[in-house]
Amino acid sequence: ESDRPGLVFVHGNGAHAHWWTFLAPFFLEHYRVAALDLSGAGDSGRR
């Protein structure tokens, strides 16, 4: 089902998207999930 609500996780200082990798699966029964690297963090580009 592609119409389930979305859930976006945002990390803290010096962190990255993989802080959420081990938590995201707990929500997949009812939600679609994304976790991003803010610019300047993780594998995103710099500004």
All heavy atoms as atom14 arrays in JSON, in Angstrom:
{
  "sequence": "ESDRPGLVFVHGNGAHAHWWTFLAPFFLEHYRVAALDLSGAGDSGRR",
  "atom14_mask": [
    [1, 1, 1, 1, 1, 1, 1, 1, 1, 0, 0, 0, 0, 0],
    [1, 1, 1, 1, 1, 1, 0, 0, 0, 0, 0, 0, 0, 0],
    [1, 1, 1, 1, 1, 1, 1, 1, 0, 0, 0, 0, 0, 0],
    [1, 1, 1, 1, 1, 1, 1, 1, 1, 1, 1, 0, 0, 0],
    [1, 1, 1, 1, 1, 1, 1, 0, 0, 0, 0, 0, 0, 0],
    [1, 1, 1, 1, 0, 0, 0, 0, 0, 0, 0, 0, 0, 0],
    [1, 1, 1, 1, 1, 1, 1, 1, 0, 0, 0, 0, 0, 0],
    [1, 1, 1, 1, 1, 1, 1, 0, 0, 0, 0, 0, 0, 0],
    [1, 1, 1, 1, 1, 1, 1, 1, 1, 1, 1, 0, 0, 0],
    [1, 1, 1, 1, 1, 1, 1, 0, 0, 0, 0, 0, 0, 0],
    [1, 1, 1, 1, 1, 1, 1, 1, 1, 1, 0, 0, 0, 0],
    [1, 1, 1, 1, 0, 0, 0, 0, 0, 0, 0, 0, 0, 0],
    [1, 1, 1, 1, 1, 1, 1, 1, 0, 0, 0, 0, 0, 0],
    [1, 1, 1, 1, 0, 0, 0, 0, 0, 0, 0, 0, 0, 0],
    [1, 1, 1, 1, 1, 0, 0, 0, 0, 0, 0, 0, 0, 0],
    [1, 1, 1, 1, 1, 1, 1, 1, 1, 1, 0, 0, 0, 0],
    [1, 1, 1, 1, 1, 0, 0, 0, 0, 0, 0, 0, 0, 0],
    [1, 1, 1, 1, 1, 1, 1, 1, 1, 1, 0, 0, 0, 0],
    [1, 1, 1, 1, 1, 1, 1, 1, 1, 1, 1, 1, 1, 1],
    [1, 1, 1, 1, 1, 1, 1, 1, 1, 1, 1, 1, 1, 1],
    [1, 1, 1, 1, 1, 1, 1, 0, 0, 0, 0, 0, 0, 0],
    [1, 1, 1, 1, 1, 1, 1, 1, 1, 1, 1, 0, 0, 0],
    [1, 1, 1, 1, 1, 1, 1, 1, 0, 0, 0, 0, 0, 0],
    [1, 1, 1, 1, 1, 0, 0, 0, 0, 0, 0, 0, 0, 0],
    [1, 1, 1, 1, 1, 1, 1, 0, 0, 0, 0, 0, 0, 0],
    [1, 1, 1, 1, 1, 1, 1, 1, 1, 1, 1, 0, 0, 0],
    [1, 1, 1, 1, 1, 1, 1, 1, 1, 1, 1, 0, 0, 0],
    [1, 1, 1, 1, 1, 1, 1, 1, 0, 0, 0, 0, 0, 0],
    [1, 1, 1, 1, 1, 1, 1, 1, 1, 0, 0, 0, 0, 0],
    [1, 1, 1, 1, 1, 1, 1, 1, 1, 1, 0, 0, 0, 0],
    [1, 1, 1, 1, 1, 1, 1, 1, 1, 1, 1, 1, 0, 0],
    [1, 1, 1, 1, 1, 1, 1, 1, 1, 1, 1, 0, 0, 0],
    [1, 1, 1, 1, 1, 1, 1, 0, 0, 0, 0, 0, 0, 0],
    [1, 1, 1, 1, 1, 0, 0, 0, 0, 0, 0, 0, 0, 0],
    [1, 1, 1, 1, 1, 0, 0, 0, 0, 0, 0, 0, 0, 0],
    [1, 1, 1, 1, 1, 1, 1, 1, 0, 0, 0, 0, 0, 0],
    [1, 1, 1, 1, 1, 1, 1, 1, 0, 0, 0, 0, 0, 0],
    [1, 1, 1, 1, 1, 1, 1, 1, 0, 0, 0, 0, 0, 0],
    [1, 1, 1, 1, 1, 1, 0, 0, 0, 0, 0, 0, 0, 0],
    [1, 1, 1, 1, 0, 0, 0, 0, 0, 0, 0, 0, 0, 0],
    [1, 1, 1, 1, 1, 0, 0, 0, 0, 0, 0, 0, 0, 0],
    [1, 1, 1, 1, 0, 0, 0, 0, 0, 0, 0, 0, 0, 0],
    [1, 1, 1, 1, 1, 1, 1, 1, 0, 0, 0, 0, 0, 0],
    [1, 1, 1, 1, 1, 1, 0, 0, 0, 0, 0, 0, 0, 0],
    [1, 1, 1, 1, 0, 0, 0, 0, 0, 0, 0, 0, 0, 0],
    [1, 1, 1, 1, 1, 1, 1, 1, 1, 1, 1, 0, 0, 0],
    [1, 1, 1, 1, 1, 1, 1, 1, 1, 1, 1, 0, 0, 0]
  ],
  "atom14_positions": [
    [[0.84, -1.19, 0.0], [0.0, 0.0, 0.0], [0.88, 1.25, 0.0], [1.76, 1.4, 0.84], [-0.91, 0.03, 1.23], [-1.89, -1.13, 1.3], [-1.33, -2.34, 2.0], [-0.09, -2.42, 2.15], [-2.13, -3.2, 2.4], [0.0, 0.0, 0.0], [0.0, 0.0, 0.0], [0.0, 0.0, 0.0], [0.0, 0.0, 0.0], [0.0, 0.0, 0.0]],
    [[0.64, 2.15, -0.94], [1.51, 3.32, -1.08], [0.91, 4.56, -0.43], [1.5, 5.63, -0.49], [1.75, 3.61, -2.57], [0.52, 3.88, -3.22], [0.0, 0.0, 0.0], [0.0, 0.0, 0.0], [0.0, 0.0, 0.0], [0.0, 0.0, 0.0], [0.0, 0.0, 0.0], [0.0, 0.0, 0.0], [0.0, 0.0, 0.0], [0.0, 0.0, 0.0]],
    [[-0.26, 4.43, 0.2], [-0.92, 5.61, 0.76], [-0.77, 5.7, 2.27], [-1.48, 6.47, 2.92], [-2.4, 5.61, 0.38], [-3.13, 4.37, 0.91], [-2.45, 3.42, 1.31], [-4.37, 4.38, 0.89], [0.0, 0.0, 0.0], [0.0, 0.0, 0.0], [0.0, 0.0, 0.0], [0.0, 0.0, 0.0], [0.0, 0.0, 0.0], [0.0, 0.0, 0.0]],
    [[0.13, 4.93, 2.85], [0.31, 5.0, 4.29], [1.04, 6.29, 4.68], [1.83, 6.81, 3.9], [1.08, 3.78, 4.78], [0.32, 2.48, 4.53], [0.92, 1.32, 5.25], [0.13, 0.11, 5.05], [0.27, -1.02, 5.75], [1.19, -1.09, 6.68], [-0.49, -2.05, 5.52], [0.0, 0.0, 0.0], [0.0, 0.0, 0.0], [0.0, 0.0, 0.0]],
    [[0.78, 6.8, 5.88], [1.45, 8.04, 6.31], [2.97, 7.9, 6.28], [3.52, 6.8, 6.46], [0.93, 8.25, 7.73], [-0.36, 7.5, 7.78], [-0.17, 6.31, 6.88], [0.0, 0.0, 0.0], [0.0, 0.0, 0.0], [0.0, 0.0, 0.0], [0.0, 0.0, 0.0], [0.0, 0.0, 0.0], [0.0, 0.0, 0.0], [0.0, 0.0, 0.0]],
    [[3.64, 9.02, 6.09], [5.1, 9.04, 6.08], [5.64, 9.47, 7.43], [5.01, 10.22, 8.17], [0.0, 0.0, 0.0], [0.0, 0.0, 0.0], [0.0, 0.0, 0.0], [0.0, 0.0, 0.0], [0.0, 0.0, 0.0], [0.0, 0.0, 0.0], [0.0, 0.0, 0.0], [0.0, 0.0, 0.0], [0.0, 0.0, 0.0], [0.0, 0.0, 0.0]],
    [[6.83, 8.99, 7.72], [7.52, 9.31, 8.98], [8.97, 9.66, 8.62], [9.67, 8.85, 8.02], [7.47, 8.11, 9.92], [8.07, 8.22, 11.31], [7.44, 9.36, 12.1], [7.91, 6.9, 12.06], [0.0, 0.0, 0.0], [0.0, 0.0, 0.0], [0.0, 0.0, 0.0], [0.0, 0.0, 0.0], [0.0, 0.0, 0.0], [0.0, 0.0, 0.0]],
    [[9.39, 10.87, 8.96], [10.76, 11.32, 8.66], [11.52, 11.54, 9.96], [11.06, 12.28, 10.84], [10.75, 12.62, 7.83], [12.2, 13.05, 7.53], [9.98, 12.46, 6.54], [0.0, 0.0, 0.0], [0.0, 0.0, 0.0], [0.0, 0.0, 0.0], [0.0, 0.0, 0.0], [0.0, 0.0, 0.0], [0.0, 0.0, 0.0], [0.0, 0.0, 0.0]],
    [[12.69, 10.91, 10.09], [13.53, 11.05, 11.26], [14.67, 12.03, 10.96], [15.34, 11.93, 9.92], [14.12, 9.7, 11.67], [13.12, 8.77, 12.31], [12.75, 7.59, 11.67], [12.57, 9.07, 13.54], [11.84, 6.72, 12.26], [11.65, 8.21, 14.14], [11.28, 7.03, 13.5], [0.0, 0.0, 0.0], [0.0, 0.0, 0.0], [0.0, 0.0, 0.0]],
    [[14.91, 12.95, 11.92], [15.95, 13.97, 11.77], [16.95, 13.83, 12.92], [16.57, 13.88, 14.09], [15.35, 15.39, 11.78], [16.44, 16.43, 11.48], [14.2, 15.5, 10.79], [0.0, 0.0, 0.0], [0.0, 0.0, 0.0], [0.0, 0.0, 0.0], [0.0, 0.0, 0.0], [0.0, 0.0, 0.0], [0.0, 0.0, 0.0], [0.0, 0.0, 0.0]],
    [[18.21, 13.66, 12.58], [19.26, 13.41, 13.58], [19.72, 14.69, 14.27], [19.37, 15.81, 13.88], [20.46, 12.73, 12.91], [21.1, 13.58, 11.84], [21.94, 14.63, 12.11], [21.01, 13.51, 10.48], [22.35, 15.18, 10.99], [21.8, 14.53, 9.98], [0.0, 0.0, 0.0], [0.0, 0.0, 0.0], [0.0, 0.0, 0.0], [0.0, 0.0, 0.0]],
    [[20.56, 14.52, 15.29], [21.08, 15.65, 16.05], [22.49, 16.05, 15.64], [22.99, 15.66, 14.58], [0.0, 0.0, 0.0], [0.0, 0.0, 0.0], [0.0, 0.0, 0.0], [0.0, 0.0, 0.0], [0.0, 0.0, 0.0], [0.0, 0.0, 0.0], [0.0, 0.0, 0.0], [0.0, 0.0, 0.0], [0.0, 0.0, 0.0], [0.0, 0.0, 0.0]],
    [[23.15, 16.83, 16.51], [24.5, 17.35, 16.25], [25.49, 16.23, 15.93], [25.61, 15.25, 16.67], [25.03, 18.09, 17.47], [24.35, 19.41, 17.68], [23.81, 20.0, 16.76], [24.36, 19.89, 18.92], [0.0, 0.0, 0.0], [0.0, 0.0, 0.0], [0.0, 0.0, 0.0], [0.0, 0.0, 0.0], [0.0, 0.0, 0.0], [0.0, 0.0, 0.0]],
    [[26.22, 16.39, 14.84], [27.3, 15.46, 14.52], [26.83, 14.06, 14.18], [27.66, 13.15, 14.05], [0.0, 0.0, 0.0], [0.0, 0.0, 0.0], [0.0, 0.0, 0.0], [0.0, 0.0, 0.0], [0.0, 0.0, 0.0], [0.0, 0.0, 0.0], [0.0, 0.0, 0.0], [0.0, 0.0, 0.0], [0.0, 0.0, 0.0], [0.0, 0.0, 0.0]],
    [[25.53, 13.85, 14.08], [25.0, 12.5, 13.86], [24.67, 12.3, 12.38], [25.14, 13.05, 11.51], [23.77, 12.28, 14.74], [0.0, 0.0, 0.0], [0.0, 0.0, 0.0], [0.0, 0.0, 0.0], [0.0, 0.0, 0.0], [0.0, 0.0, 0.0], [0.0, 0.0, 0.0], [0.0, 0.0, 0.0], [0.0, 0.0, 0.0], [0.0, 0.0, 0.0]],
    [[23.84, 11.29, 12.08], [23.57, 10.94, 10.69], [22.36, 10.02, 10.62], [21.8, 9.61, 11.66], [24.79, 10.26, 10.05], [25.38, 9.18, 10.91], [24.78, 7.94, 11.07], [26.5, 9.16, 11.68], [25.52, 7.2, 11.89], [26.57, 7.91, 12.29], [0.0, 0.0, 0.0], [0.0, 0.0, 0.0], [0.0, 0.0, 0.0], [0.0, 0.0, 0.0]],
    [[21.96, 9.67, 9.41], [20.73, 8.9, 9.19], [20.76, 7.53, 9.85], [19.72, 6.99, 10.24], [20.46, 8.76, 7.68], [0.0, 0.0, 0.0], [0.0, 0.0, 0.0], [0.0, 0.0, 0.0], [0.0, 0.0, 0.0], [0.0, 0.0, 0.0], [0.0, 0.0, 0.0], [0.0, 0.0, 0.0], [0.0, 0.0, 0.0], [0.0, 0.0, 0.0]],
    [[21.94, 6.94, 9.97], [22.01, 5.57, 10.49], [21.78, 5.49, 12.0], [21.77, 4.39, 12.56], [23.35, 4.93, 10.12], [23.39, 4.46, 8.7], [22.74, 3.33, 8.27], [23.98, 5.0, 7.59], [22.93, 3.16, 6.97], [23.68, 4.17, 6.54], [0.0, 0.0, 0.0], [0.0, 0.0, 0.0], [0.0, 0.0, 0.0], [0.0, 0.0, 0.0]],
    [[21.57, 6.61, 12.66], [21.12, 6.57, 14.05], [19.71, 5.98, 14.13], [19.25, 5.6, 15.21], [21.11, 7.97, 14.66], [22.44, 8.45, 15.14], [23.59, 8.62, 14.42], [22.76, 8.85, 16.48], [24.6, 9.11, 15.21], [24.11, 9.27, 16.48], [22.04, 8.92, 17.66], [24.76, 9.72, 17.63], [22.67, 9.39, 18.81], [24.02, 9.78, 18.79]],
    [[19.02, 5.92, 12.99], [17.63, 5.46, 12.97], [17.47, 4.1, 12.3], [16.35, 3.56, 12.27], [16.77, 6.49, 12.24], [16.92, 7.88, 12.74], [17.66, 8.89, 12.19], [16.33, 8.45, 13.93], [17.57, 10.04, 12.93], [16.75, 9.8, 14.01], [15.47, 7.94, 14.92], [16.36, 10.64, 15.03], [15.08, 8.79, 15.94], [15.52, 10.12, 15.99]],
    [[18.53, 3.53, 11.76], [18.41, 2.29, 10.98], [17.8, 1.15, 11.78], [17.01, 0.37, 11.26], [19.8, 1.85, 10.47], [20.49, 2.99, 9.95], [19.65, 0.82, 9.36], [0.0, 0.0, 0.0], [0.0, 0.0, 0.0], [0.0, 0.0, 0.0], [0.0, 0.0, 0.0], [0.0, 0.0, 0.0], [0.0, 0.0, 0.0], [0.0, 0.0, 0.0]],
    [[18.18, 1.05, 13.04], [17.72, -0.06, 13.86], [16.35, 0.21, 14.5], [15.79, -0.65, 15.17], [18.75, -0.38, 14.96], [19.25, 0.83, 15.7], [18.59, 1.31, 16.82], [20.38, 1.5, 15.26], [19.04, 2.43, 17.48], [20.85, 2.63, 15.92], [20.17, 3.1, 17.04], [0.0, 0.0, 0.0], [0.0, 0.0, 0.0], [0.0, 0.0, 0.0]],
    [[15.79, 1.42, 14.28], [14.48, 1.77, 14.82], [13.39, 1.8, 13.75], [12.23, 1.5, 14.03], [14.55, 3.14, 15.51], [15.43, 3.19, 16.76], [15.65, 4.63, 17.19], [14.8, 2.4, 17.89], [0.0, 0.0, 0.0], [0.0, 0.0, 0.0], [0.0, 0.0, 0.0], [0.0, 0.0, 0.0], [0.0, 0.0, 0.0], [0.0, 0.0, 0.0]],
    [[13.75, 2.19, 12.54], [12.76, 2.34, 11.47], [11.87, 1.12, 11.27], [10.66, 1.26, 11.08], [13.46, 2.72, 10.17], [0.0, 0.0, 0.0], [0.0, 0.0, 0.0], [0.0, 0.0, 0.0], [0.0, 0.0, 0.0], [0.0, 0.0, 0.0], [0.0, 0.0, 0.0], [0.0, 0.0, 0.0], [0.0, 0.0, 0.0], [0.0, 0.0, 0.0]],
    [[12.42, -0.1, 11.3], [11.57, -1.27, 11.04], [10.4, -1.44, 12.0], [9.4, -2.08, 11.65], [12.55, -2.45, 11.16], [13.87, -1.87, 10.78], [13.84, -0.49, 11.36], [0.0, 0.0, 0.0], [0.0, 0.0, 0.0], [0.0, 0.0, 0.0], [0.0, 0.0, 0.0], [0.0, 0.0, 0.0], [0.0, 0.0, 0.0], [0.0, 0.0, 0.0]],
    [[10.48, -0.86, 13.2], [9.38, -0.98, 14.15], [8.12, -0.25, 13.69], [7.03, -0.49, 14.23], [9.81, -0.44, 15.52], [10.77, -1.32, 16.24], [12.13, -1.02, 16.28], [10.34, -2.47, 16.88], [13.02, -1.83, 16.95], [11.23, -3.3, 17.56], [12.57, -2.98, 17.59], [0.0, 0.0, 0.0], [0.0, 0.0, 0.0], [0.0, 0.0, 0.0]],
    [[8.26, 0.63, 12.7], [7.13, 1.44, 12.27], [6.53, 1.0, 10.94], [5.55, 1.58, 10.48], [7.58, 2.91, 12.16], [8.07, 3.48, 13.46], [9.4, 3.38, 13.83], [7.19, 4.12, 14.32], [9.85, 3.89, 15.03], [7.63, 4.65, 15.53], [8.96, 4.54, 15.88], [0.0, 0.0, 0.0], [0.0, 0.0, 0.0], [0.0, 0.0, 0.0]],
    [[7.11, -0.01, 10.32], [6.76, -0.33, 8.95], [5.41, -1.0, 8.79], [4.9, -1.09, 7.67], [7.85, -1.21, 8.32], [9.22, -0.54, 8.19], [10.21, -1.46, 7.5], [9.11, 0.79, 7.45], [0.0, 0.0, 0.0], [0.0, 0.0, 0.0], [0.0, 0.0, 0.0], [0.0, 0.0, 0.0], [0.0, 0.0, 0.0], [0.0, 0.0, 0.0]],
    [[4.81, -1.44, 9.86], [3.49, -2.06, 9.75], [2.43, -1.02, 9.35], [1.45, -1.34, 8.69], [3.1, -2.73, 11.06], [1.78, -3.47, 10.99], [1.44, -4.18, 12.28], [2.26, -4.15, 13.23], [0.34, -4.76, 12.35], [0.0, 0.0, 0.0], [0.0, 0.0, 0.0], [0.0, 0.0, 0.0], [0.0, 0.0, 0.0], [0.0, 0.0, 0.0]],
    [[2.68, 0.24, 9.75], [1.67, 1.26, 9.51], [2.19, 2.5, 8.79], [1.38, 3.35, 8.39], [1.06, 1.71, 10.84], [0.4, 0.6, 11.6], [-0.76, -0.02, 11.17], [0.75, -0.02, 12.76], [-1.11, -0.96, 12.03], [-0.2, -0.98, 13.0], [0.0, 0.0, 0.0], [0.0, 0.0, 0.0], [0.0, 0.0, 0.0], [0.0, 0.0, 0.0]],
    [[3.5, 2.62, 8.61], [4.05, 3.85, 8.05], [5.15, 3.55, 7.04], [5.8, 2.51, 7.1], [4.61, 4.74, 9.16], [3.63, 4.99, 10.28], [3.7, 4.24, 11.45], [2.62, 5.93, 10.15], [2.79, 4.43, 12.48], [1.7, 6.12, 11.17], [1.78, 5.37, 12.33], [0.87, 5.55, 13.33], [0.0, 0.0, 0.0], [0.0, 0.0, 0.0]],
    [[5.36, 4.51, 6.15], [6.57, 4.52, 5.33], [7.58, 5.42, 6.03], [7.2, 6.42, 6.63], [6.26, 5.04, 3.93], [5.38, 4.11, 3.1], [4.93, 4.77, 1.81], [3.97, 5.84, 2.09], [3.69, 6.83, 1.23], [4.32, 6.89, 0.08], [2.78, 7.73, 1.53], [0.0, 0.0, 0.0], [0.0, 0.0, 0.0], [0.0, 0.0, 0.0]],
    [[8.85, 5.07, 5.95], [9.84, 5.74, 6.8], [11.04, 6.22, 5.99], [11.51, 5.52, 5.09], [10.33, 4.79, 7.92], [11.33, 5.5, 8.83], [9.15, 4.26, 8.74], [0.0, 0.0, 0.0], [0.0, 0.0, 0.0], [0.0, 0.0, 0.0], [0.0, 0.0, 0.0], [0.0, 0.0, 0.0], [0.0, 0.0, 0.0], [0.0, 0.0, 0.0]],
    [[11.52, 7.41, 6.35], [12.75, 7.95, 5.77], [13.57, 8.57, 6.89], [13.03, 9.1, 7.87], [12.46, 8.98, 4.7], [0.0, 0.0, 0.0], [0.0, 0.0, 0.0], [0.0, 0.0, 0.0], [0.0, 0.0, 0.0], [0.0, 0.0, 0.0], [0.0, 0.0, 0.0], [0.0, 0.0, 0.0], [0.0, 0.0, 0.0], [0.0, 0.0, 0.0]],
    [[14.89, 8.49, 6.77], [15.82, 9.14, 7.7], [16.9, 9.8, 6.87], [17.54, 9.14, 6.05], [16.43, 8.12, 8.67], [0.0, 0.0, 0.0], [0.0, 0.0, 0.0], [0.0, 0.0, 0.0], [0.0, 0.0, 0.0], [0.0, 0.0, 0.0], [0.0, 0.0, 0.0], [0.0, 0.0, 0.0], [0.0, 0.0, 0.0], [0.0, 0.0, 0.0]],
    [[17.09, 11.1, 7.05], [18.01, 11.82, 6.18], [19.31, 12.21, 6.88], [19.37, 12.28, 8.11], [17.35, 13.09, 5.63], [17.22, 14.31, 6.56], [17.18, 15.59, 5.72], [15.99, 14.2, 7.44], [0.0, 0.0, 0.0], [0.0, 0.0, 0.0], [0.0, 0.0, 0.0], [0.0, 0.0, 0.0], [0.0, 0.0, 0.0], [0.0, 0.0, 0.0]],
    [[20.32, 12.44, 6.07], [21.52, 13.14, 6.49], [21.33, 14.61, 6.12], [21.23, 14.94, 4.93], [22.76, 12.62, 5.73], [23.16, 11.22, 6.15], [23.05, 10.89, 7.33], [23.59, 10.45, 5.26], [0.0, 0.0, 0.0], [0.0, 0.0, 0.0], [0.0, 0.0, 0.0], [0.0, 0.0, 0.0], [0.0, 0.0, 0.0], [0.0, 0.0, 0.0]],
    [[21.23, 15.48, 7.1], [21.19, 16.9, 6.8], [22.47, 17.29, 6.06], [23.51, 16.63, 6.2], [21.07, 17.71, 8.09], [19.77, 17.53, 8.89], [19.92, 18.21, 10.26], [18.58, 18.09, 8.15], [0.0, 0.0, 0.0], [0.0, 0.0, 0.0], [0.0, 0.0, 0.0], [0.0, 0.0, 0.0], [0.0, 0.0, 0.0], [0.0, 0.0, 0.0]],
    [[22.41, 18.35, 5.27], [23.63, 18.8, 4.61], [24.69, 19.08, 5.68], [24.4, 19.56, 6.77], [23.35, 20.06, 3.77], [22.81, 21.09, 4.57], [0.0, 0.0, 0.0], [0.0, 0.0, 0.0], [0.0, 0.0, 0.0], [0.0, 0.0, 0.0], [0.0, 0.0, 0.0], [0.0, 0.0, 0.0], [0.0, 0.0, 0.0], [0.0, 0.0, 0.0]],
    [[25.93, 18.72, 5.35], [27.02, 18.87, 6.31], [27.17, 17.69, 7.24], [28.02, 17.7, 8.13], [0.0, 0.0, 0.0], [0.0, 0.0, 0.0], [0.0, 0.0, 0.0], [0.0, 0.0, 0.0], [0.0, 0.0, 0.0], [0.0, 0.0, 0.0], [0.0, 0.0, 0.0], [0.0, 0.0, 0.0], [0.0, 0.0, 0.0], [0.0, 0.0, 0.0]],
    [[26.33, 16.65, 7.05], [26.37, 15.49, 7.94], [26.29, 14.21, 7.11], [25.79, 14.21, 5.98], [25.23, 15.54, 8.95], [0.0, 0.0, 0.0], [0.0, 0.0, 0.0], [0.0, 0.0, 0.0], [0.0, 0.0, 0.0], [0.0, 0.0, 0.0], [0.0, 0.0, 0.0], [0.0, 0.0, 0.0], [0.0, 0.0, 0.0], [0.0, 0.0, 0.0]],
    [[26.77, 13.12, 7.7], [26.65, 11.82, 7.04], [27.17, 11.82, 5.62], [28.27, 12.34, 5.34], [0.0, 0.0, 0.0], [0.0, 0.0, 0.0], [0.0, 0.0, 0.0], [0.0, 0.0, 0.0], [0.0, 0.0, 0.0], [0.0, 0.0, 0.0], [0.0, 0.0, 0.0], [0.0, 0.0, 0.0], [0.0, 0.0, 0.0], [0.0, 0.0, 0.0]],
    [[26.38, 11.28, 4.71], [26.79, 11.15, 3.31], [26.18, 12.22, 2.42], [26.17, 12.08, 1.19], [26.42, 9.75, 2.8], [27.18, 8.66, 3.54], [28.39, 8.85, 3.79], [26.57, 7.63, 3.89], [0.0, 0.0, 0.0], [0.0, 0.0, 0.0], [0.0, 0.0, 0.0], [0.0, 0.0, 0.0], [0.0, 0.0, 0.0], [0.0, 0.0, 0.0]],
    [[25.64, 13.28, 3.0], [25.12, 14.4, 2.22], [26.25, 15.37, 1.89], [27.35, 15.31, 2.47], [24.02, 15.14, 2.98], [22.83, 14.37, 3.02], [0.0, 0.0, 0.0], [0.0, 0.0, 0.0], [0.0, 0.0, 0.0], [0.0, 0.0, 0.0], [0.0, 0.0, 0.0], [0.0, 0.0, 0.0], [0.0, 0.0, 0.0], [0.0, 0.0, 0.0]],
    [[25.97, 16.28, 0.96], [26.95, 17.26, 0.56], [27.12, 18.38, 1.59], [26.42, 18.43, 2.61], [0.0, 0.0, 0.0], [0.0, 0.0, 0.0], [0.0, 0.0, 0.0], [0.0, 0.0, 0.0], [0.0, 0.0, 0.0], [0.0, 0.0, 0.0], [0.0, 0.0, 0.0], [0.0, 0.0, 0.0], [0.0, 0.0, 0.0], [0.0, 0.0, 0.0]],
    [[28.05, 19.26, 1.33], [28.36, 20.37, 2.23], [27.9, 21.69, 1.62], [27.75, 21.82, 0.42], [29.87, 20.44, 2.5], [30.47, 19.12, 3.0], [29.91, 18.75, 4.37], [30.53, 17.55, 4.92], [29.98, 16.35, 4.95], [28.78, 16.16, 4.44], [30.61, 15.32, 5.49], [0.0, 0.0, 0.0], [0.0, 0.0, 0.0], [0.0, 0.0, 0.0]],
    [[27.71, 22.69, 2.49], [27.33, 24.03, 2.06], [28.34, 25.05, 2.58], [29.06, 24.8, 3.55], [25.94, 24.39, 2.57], [24.82, 23.48, 2.08], [23.44, 24.01, 2.48], [22.39, 23.07, 2.1], [21.89, 22.97, 0.87], [22.32, 23.78, -0.09], [20.94, 22.09, 0.6], [0.0, 0.0, 0.0], [0.0, 0.0, 0.0], [0.0, 0.0, 0.0]]
  ]
}
